[in-house]
Amino acid sequence: MPTLPRTSTSEMEVTSIRLERELKNQLKRLAGGQGYQVMVRNILWNYVQQKSGQYRSPLVLDDIRSSVDAIARKEERCAITGDVIRPNEPMLLGLTAHGDLVPLSMECLAR
């Protein structure tokens, strides 16, 4: 997960959130040496950017190993371009090198 530009901790507000112990342990494990609080902030920023239409994925076309035809059941965003894929439109599901299935617009492979 890419790291977003750093904000000084003195400019941040302290917020308390209750997490299940197992969730916190999994976050720490996934974060490795990065620190799980930084990772949680990055996840939240990515979510806000994605919902606002500003998200740009770190994926590039070379990260896609294969793709299969699909039909969008709900609005999606192409994992490469960020283009909107509307419900009932044809799309692709791309298998990434990390084993994730991601939505792809039909046009993104032609670019």
C-alpha atoms as a PDB file:
ATOM      1  CA  MET A   1       0.000   0.000   0.000  1.00  0.00           C
ATOM      2  CA  PRO A   2       1.508   3.354  -0.981  1.00  0.00           C
ATOM      3  CA  THR A   3       2.326   5.838   1.749  1.00  0.00           C
ATOM      4  CA  LEU A   4       0.547   9.155   1.446  1.00  0.00           C
ATOM      5  CA  PRO A   5       2.354  12.456   2.072  1.00  0.00           C
ATOM      6  CA  ARG A   6       3.272  12.772   5.723  1.00  0.00           C
ATOM      7  CA  THR A   7       1.535  15.239   8.005  1.00  0.00           C
ATOM      8  CA  SER A   8       3.294  16.245  11.175  1.00  0.00           C
ATOM      9  CA  THR A   9       1.754  14.465  14.157  1.00  0.00           C
ATOM     10  CA  SER A  10       1.487  17.849  15.875  1.00  0.00           C
ATOM     11  CA  GLU A  11      -1.046  18.816  13.163  1.00  0.00           C
ATOM     12  CA  MET A  12      -3.162  15.686  13.718  1.00  0.00           C
ATOM     13  CA  GLU A  13      -6.087  15.289  16.090  1.00  0.00           C
ATOM     14  CA  VAL A  14      -6.044  12.458  18.593  1.00  0.00           C
ATOM     15  CA  THR A  15      -8.895  10.017  17.996  1.00  0.00           C
ATOM     16  CA  SER A  16      -9.729   6.942  19.981  1.00  0.00           C
ATOM     17  CA  ILE A  17     -11.098   3.878  18.228  1.00  0.00           C
ATOM     18  CA  ARG A  18     -11.913   0.526  19.764  1.00  0.00           C
ATOM     19  CA  LEU A  19     -10.664  -2.481  17.802  1.00  0.00           C
ATOM     20  CA  GLU A  20     -10.953  -6.160  18.526  1.00  0.00           C
ATOM     21  CA  ARG A  21      -7.636  -7.512  19.810  1.00  0.00           C
ATOM     22  CA  GLU A  22      -7.401  -9.960  16.881  1.00  0.00           C
ATOM     23  CA  LEU A  23      -7.996  -7.150  14.346  1.00  0.00           C
ATOM     24  CA  LYS A  24      -5.303  -5.008  15.960  1.00  0.00           C
ATOM     25  CA  ASN A  25      -2.868  -7.948  15.963  1.00  0.00           C
ATOM     26  CA  GLN A  26      -3.603  -8.662  12.275  1.00  0.00           C
ATOM     27  CA  LEU A  27      -3.090  -4.974  11.398  1.00  0.00           C
ATOM     28  CA  LYS A  28       0.254  -4.965  13.225  1.00  0.00           C
ATOM     29  CA  ARG A  29       1.289  -8.144  11.401  1.00  0.00           C
ATOM     30  CA  LEU A  30       0.307  -6.755   7.996  1.00  0.00           C
ATOM     31  CA  ALA A  31       2.006  -3.417   8.658  1.00  0.00           C
ATOM     32  CA  GLY A  32       5.366  -5.035   9.344  1.00  0.00           C
ATOM     33  CA  GLY A  33       7.840  -2.324  10.322  1.00  0.00           C
ATOM     34  CA  GLN A  34       5.627   0.509   9.046  1.00  0.00           C
ATOM     35  CA  GLY A  35       3.457   0.782  12.145  1.00  0.00           C
ATOM     36  CA  TYR A  36      -0.191  -0.147  12.050  1.00  0.00           C
ATOM     37  CA  GLN A  37      -1.482   3.384  12.810  1.00  0.00           C
ATOM     38  CA  VAL A  38       0.188   4.707   9.642  1.00  0.00           C
ATOM     39  CA  MET A  39      -1.339   1.826   7.691  1.00  0.00           C
ATOM     40  CA  VAL A  40      -4.821   2.518   9.135  1.00  0.00           C
ATOM     41  CA  ARG A  41      -4.504   6.214   8.158  1.00  0.00           C
ATOM     42  CA  ASN A  42      -3.480   5.188   4.617  1.00  0.00           C
ATOM     43  CA  ILE A  43      -6.427   2.780   4.388  1.00  0.00           C
ATOM     44  CA  LEU A  44      -8.826   5.511   5.530  1.00  0.00           C
ATOM     45  CA  TRP A  45      -7.368   8.089   3.099  1.00  0.00           C
ATOM     46  CA  ASN A  46      -7.597   5.585   0.221  1.00  0.00           C
ATOM     47  CA  TYR A  47     -11.229   4.890   1.143  1.00  0.00           C
ATOM     48  CA  VAL A  48     -12.084   8.623   1.226  1.00  0.00           C
ATOM     49  CA  GLN A  49     -10.305   9.224  -2.101  1.00  0.00           C
ATOM     50  CA  GLN A  50     -11.998   6.233  -3.720  1.00  0.00           C
ATOM     51  CA  LYS A  51     -15.467   7.312  -2.577  1.00  0.00           C
ATOM     52  CA  SER A  52     -14.842  10.895  -3.737  1.00  0.00           C
ATOM     53  CA  GLY A  53     -13.562   9.769  -7.155  1.00  0.00           C
ATOM     54  CA  GLN A  54     -10.016  11.025  -6.509  1.00  0.00           C
ATOM     55  CA  TYR A  55      -8.350   7.652  -5.935  1.00  0.00           C
ATOM     56  CA  ARG A  56      -5.547   6.612  -8.263  1.00  0.00           C
ATOM     57  CA  SER A  57      -4.449   3.032  -7.888  1.00  0.00           C
ATOM     58  CA  PRO A  58      -0.775   2.154  -7.733  1.00  0.00           C
ATOM     59  CA  LEU A  59      -1.580  -0.718 -10.135  1.00  0.00           C
ATOM     60  CA  VAL A  60      -0.246  -0.639 -13.668  1.00  0.00           C
ATOM     61  CA  LEU A  61      -1.228  -2.815 -16.591  1.00  0.00           C
ATOM     62  CA  ASP A  62       1.841  -5.047 -16.105  1.00  0.00           C
ATOM     63  CA  ASP A  63       0.454  -6.018 -12.670  1.00  0.00           C
ATOM     64  CA  ILE A  64      -2.484  -7.834 -14.343  1.00  0.00           C
ATOM     65  CA  ARG A  65      -1.697 -11.513 -15.023  1.00  0.00           C
ATOM     66  CA  SER A  66      -4.992 -12.440 -16.687  1.00  0.00           C
ATOM     67  CA  SER A  67      -8.553 -11.214 -17.041  1.00  0.00           C
ATOM     68  CA  VAL A  68     -12.048 -12.621 -17.505  1.00  0.00           C
ATOM     69  CA  ASP A  69     -15.191 -11.009 -18.875  1.00  0.00           C
ATOM     70  CA  ALA A  70     -17.752  -9.875 -16.320  1.00  0.00           C
ATOM     71  CA  ILE A  71     -20.776  -7.617 -15.901  1.00  0.00           C
ATOM     72  CA  ALA A  72     -20.779  -4.936 -13.192  1.00  0.00           C
ATOM     73  CA  ARG A  73     -23.491  -5.564 -10.588  1.00  0.00           C
ATOM     74  CA  LYS A  74     -22.915  -2.165  -8.969  1.00  0.00           C
ATOM     75  CA  GLU A  75     -20.844   0.901  -9.759  1.00  0.00           C
ATOM     76  CA  GLU A  76     -17.137   0.077  -9.795  1.00  0.00           C
ATOM     77  CA  ARG A  77     -13.948   1.957 -10.596  1.00  0.00           C
ATOM     78  CA  CYS A  78     -11.307   0.565 -12.903  1.00  0.00           C
ATOM     79  CA  ALA A  79      -8.280  -0.420 -10.809  1.00  0.00           C
ATOM     80  CA  ILE A  80      -5.902   0.942 -13.473  1.00  0.00           C
ATOM     81  CA  THR A  81      -7.542   4.142 -14.736  1.00  0.00           C
ATOM     82  CA  GLY A  82     -10.069   5.011 -12.035  1.00  0.00           C
ATOM     83  CA  ASP A  83     -12.780   5.272 -14.722  1.00  0.00           C
ATOM     84  CA  VAL A  84     -16.324   4.588 -13.548  1.00  0.00           C
ATOM     85  CA  ILE A  85     -17.873   1.268 -14.594  1.00  0.00           C
ATOM     86  CA  ARG A  86     -21.657   1.577 -14.345  1.00  0.00           C
ATOM     87  CA  PRO A  87     -24.039  -1.190 -13.216  1.00  0.00           C
ATOM     88  CA  ASN A  88     -24.832  -3.718 -15.970  1.00  0.00           C
ATOM     89  CA  GLU A  89     -21.909  -2.561 -18.134  1.00  0.00           C
ATOM     90  CA  PRO A  90     -19.404  -5.117 -19.403  1.00  0.00           C
ATOM     91  CA  MET A  91     -16.115  -5.086 -17.546  1.00  0.00           C
ATOM     92  CA  LEU A  92     -13.165  -7.341 -16.846  1.00  0.00           C
ATOM     93  CA  LEU A  93     -11.977  -8.904 -13.630  1.00  0.00           C
ATOM     94  CA  GLY A  94      -8.199  -8.775 -13.584  1.00  0.00           C
ATOM     95  CA  LEU A  95      -6.066 -11.178 -11.577  1.00  0.00           C
ATOM     96  CA  THR A  96      -3.107  -9.287 -10.114  1.00  0.00           C
ATOM     97  CA  ALA A  97       0.347 -10.644  -9.417  1.00  0.00           C
ATOM     98  CA  HIS A  98      -0.666 -10.624  -5.727  1.00  0.00           C
ATOM     99  CA  GLY A  99      -3.690 -12.851  -6.359  1.00  0.00           C
ATOM    100  CA  ASP A 100      -6.349 -10.126  -6.056  1.00  0.00           C
ATOM    101  CA  LEU A 101      -9.290  -9.813  -8.452  1.00  0.00           C
ATOM    102  CA  VAL A 102      -9.793  -6.178  -9.427  1.00  0.00           C
ATOM    103  CA  PRO A 103     -12.375  -4.437 -11.650  1.00  0.00           C
ATOM    104  CA  LEU A 104     -11.071  -3.257 -15.021  1.00  0.00           C
ATOM    105  CA  SER A 105     -12.818  -1.173 -17.647  1.00  0.00           C
ATOM    106  CA  MET A 106     -13.002  -2.725 -21.096  1.00  0.00           C
ATOM    107  CA  GLU A 107     -10.966   0.201 -22.449  1.00  0.00           C
ATOM    108  CA  CYS A 108      -8.048   0.013 -20.005  1.00  0.00           C
ATOM    109  CA  LEU A 109      -6.417  -2.982 -21.709  1.00  0.00           C
ATOM    110  CA  ALA A 110      -6.531  -1.189 -25.070  1.00  0.00           C
ATOM    111  CA  ARG A 111      -4.582   1.845 -23.805  1.00  0.00           C
END
